[in-house]
Amino acid sequence: MTTGTTENKKSYQDLDIYKIAIDLAIEVHKITLEDLPKFEKYEEGSQIRRSSKSIGANIVEGFGRKRFKGEYVQFLTYALASCDETKYHLTILYKTCSLEEEKCKYLINAFDGLGRKIYNFRKAIIER
């Protein structure tokens, strides 16, 4: 499935990048509440939950401003930055041994893939 541009999308819910972002945010939410040590649930866990949820929120807000290309691109840039921030928090959780290596690597790879999709989608918006 491709991300496509917004030309034939009636809702942000039709965007693949939105679908992936919300699925990953839910996964991060569950993992950080179930698998992190108690002291990390409210420190690093809170930060990563916010950054992962921010990705989809910025996609939604950008879609709402799609008539204004510059603003749409700006919010997609924010989504991409939040994706990178989430990978940073995952790296911290891994390096502090707060989250097992396998889960961290899986999530970092998933957010890498999402970041590439957001980047390509943003590029398509810019070029059209």
Protein backbone atom coordinates (compact mmCIF):
# COMPACT_ATOMS: atom_id res chain seq x y z
CA MET A 1 0.00 0.00 0.00
CA THR A 2 1.38 3.41 -0.88
CA THR A 3 0.98 6.62 1.05
CA GLY A 4 -0.31 8.54 -1.99
CA THR A 5 -1.08 12.22 -1.88
CA THR A 6 -4.17 13.80 -0.39
CA GLU A 7 -5.80 14.47 -3.75
CA ASN A 8 -7.99 11.37 -3.54
CA LYS A 9 -8.19 11.15 0.26
CA LYS A 10 -11.34 12.41 1.94
CA SER A 11 -10.08 12.04 5.49
CA TYR A 12 -6.78 11.80 7.31
CA GLN A 13 -8.00 8.33 8.32
CA ASP A 14 -7.50 7.25 4.69
CA LEU A 15 -3.76 8.01 4.84
CA ASP A 16 -1.43 5.05 5.34
CA ILE A 17 0.95 7.21 7.36
CA TYR A 18 -1.87 8.03 9.77
CA LYS A 19 -2.87 4.37 10.11
CA ILE A 20 0.70 3.31 10.83
CA ALA A 21 1.27 6.22 13.23
CA ILE A 22 -1.78 5.46 15.33
CA ASP A 23 -1.01 1.73 15.46
CA LEU A 24 2.55 2.43 16.61
CA ALA A 25 1.43 5.02 19.17
CA ILE A 26 -0.97 2.48 20.69
CA GLU A 27 1.77 -0.14 20.74
CA VAL A 28 4.20 2.26 22.46
CA HIS A 29 1.49 3.22 24.95
CA LYS A 30 0.86 -0.40 25.92
CA ILE A 31 4.52 -1.41 26.05
CA THR A 32 5.53 1.56 28.20
CA LEU A 33 2.77 0.90 30.70
CA GLU A 34 3.25 -2.88 30.83
CA ASP A 35 6.98 -3.47 30.34
CA LEU A 36 8.87 -0.51 31.78
CA PRO A 37 10.17 -0.41 35.35
CA LYS A 38 7.92 1.68 37.57
CA PHE A 39 10.33 4.62 37.78
CA GLU A 40 10.48 4.84 33.96
CA LYS A 41 6.71 4.74 33.39
CA TYR A 42 6.42 8.32 34.56
CA GLU A 43 9.71 9.70 33.27
CA GLU A 44 10.98 8.37 29.94
CA GLY A 45 7.75 6.43 29.43
CA SER A 46 5.70 9.60 29.56
CA GLN A 47 8.03 11.34 27.11
CA ILE A 48 7.92 8.53 24.55
CA ARG A 49 4.14 8.22 24.82
CA ARG A 50 3.79 11.94 24.05
CA SER A 51 6.26 11.93 21.16
CA SER A 52 4.73 8.82 19.55
CA LYS A 53 1.21 10.24 19.83
CA SER A 54 2.41 13.56 18.42
CA ILE A 55 3.24 11.94 15.07
CA GLY A 56 -0.38 11.12 14.25
CA ALA A 57 -1.65 14.33 15.80
CA ASN A 58 0.56 16.39 13.47
CA ILE A 59 -0.55 14.36 10.45
CA VAL A 60 -4.17 15.06 11.41
CA GLU A 61 -3.58 18.77 11.97
CA GLY A 62 -1.66 19.07 8.71
CA PHE A 63 -4.42 17.32 6.79
CA GLY A 64 -6.88 19.82 8.22
CA ARG A 65 -4.76 22.59 6.69
CA LYS A 66 -4.13 20.86 3.35
CA ARG A 67 -5.51 23.83 1.42
CA PHE A 68 -2.48 25.73 2.67
CA LYS A 69 0.42 23.78 1.24
CA GLY A 70 3.07 25.47 3.38
CA GLU A 71 1.23 24.71 6.61
CA TYR A 72 0.56 21.13 5.52
CA VAL A 73 4.27 20.60 4.83
CA GLN A 74 5.13 22.24 8.16
CA PHE A 75 2.95 19.80 10.13
CA LEU A 76 4.34 16.84 8.20
CA THR A 77 7.79 18.12 9.16
CA TYR A 78 6.69 18.17 12.80
CA ALA A 79 5.39 14.60 12.42
CA LEU A 80 8.76 13.52 11.03
CA ALA A 81 10.58 15.27 13.90
CA SER A 82 8.33 13.54 16.45
CA CYS A 83 9.13 10.23 14.77
CA ASP A 84 12.85 10.92 15.24
CA GLU A 85 12.25 11.99 18.84
CA THR A 86 10.45 8.71 19.51
CA LYS A 87 13.44 6.76 18.16
CA TYR A 88 15.67 8.77 20.50
CA HIS A 89 13.55 7.82 23.51
CA LEU A 90 13.61 4.16 22.44
CA THR A 91 17.40 4.35 22.27
CA ILE A 92 17.52 5.78 25.79
CA LEU A 93 15.25 3.00 27.07
CA TYR A 94 17.48 0.42 25.41
CA LYS A 95 20.76 1.89 26.64
CA THR A 96 19.47 2.15 30.20
CA CYS A 97 18.29 -1.49 30.04
CA SER A 98 14.74 -0.35 30.78
CA LEU A 99 13.25 -2.07 27.74
CA GLU A 100 14.45 -5.31 26.21
CA GLU A 101 16.62 -5.15 23.12
CA GLU A 102 14.25 -7.07 20.86
CA LYS A 103 11.32 -4.72 21.53
CA CYS A 104 13.50 -1.64 21.10
CA LYS A 105 14.94 -2.83 17.79
CA TYR A 106 11.51 -3.79 16.50
CA LEU A 107 10.05 -0.38 17.39
CA ILE A 108 13.04 1.60 16.12
CA ASN A 109 12.77 -0.24 12.79
CA ALA A 110 9.01 0.40 12.69
CA PHE A 111 9.49 4.12 13.36
CA ASP A 112 12.31 4.22 10.77
CA GLY A 113 9.86 2.84 8.21
CA LEU A 114 7.18 5.30 9.24
CA GLY A 115 9.68 8.16 9.02
CA ARG A 116 10.58 7.17 5.45
CA LYS A 117 6.89 7.08 4.51
CA ILE A 118 6.24 10.50 6.06
CA TYR A 119 9.33 11.90 4.32
CA ASN A 120 8.21 10.57 0.93
CA PHE A 121 4.63 11.75 1.48
CA ARG A 122 5.90 15.21 2.46
CA LYS A 123 8.16 15.28 -0.61
CA ALA A 124 5.19 14.41 -2.85
CA ILE A 125 3.16 17.27 -1.32
CA ILE A 126 6.02 19.70 -1.91
CA GLU A 127 6.52 18.60 -5.51
CA ARG A 128 2.89 18.63 -6.63
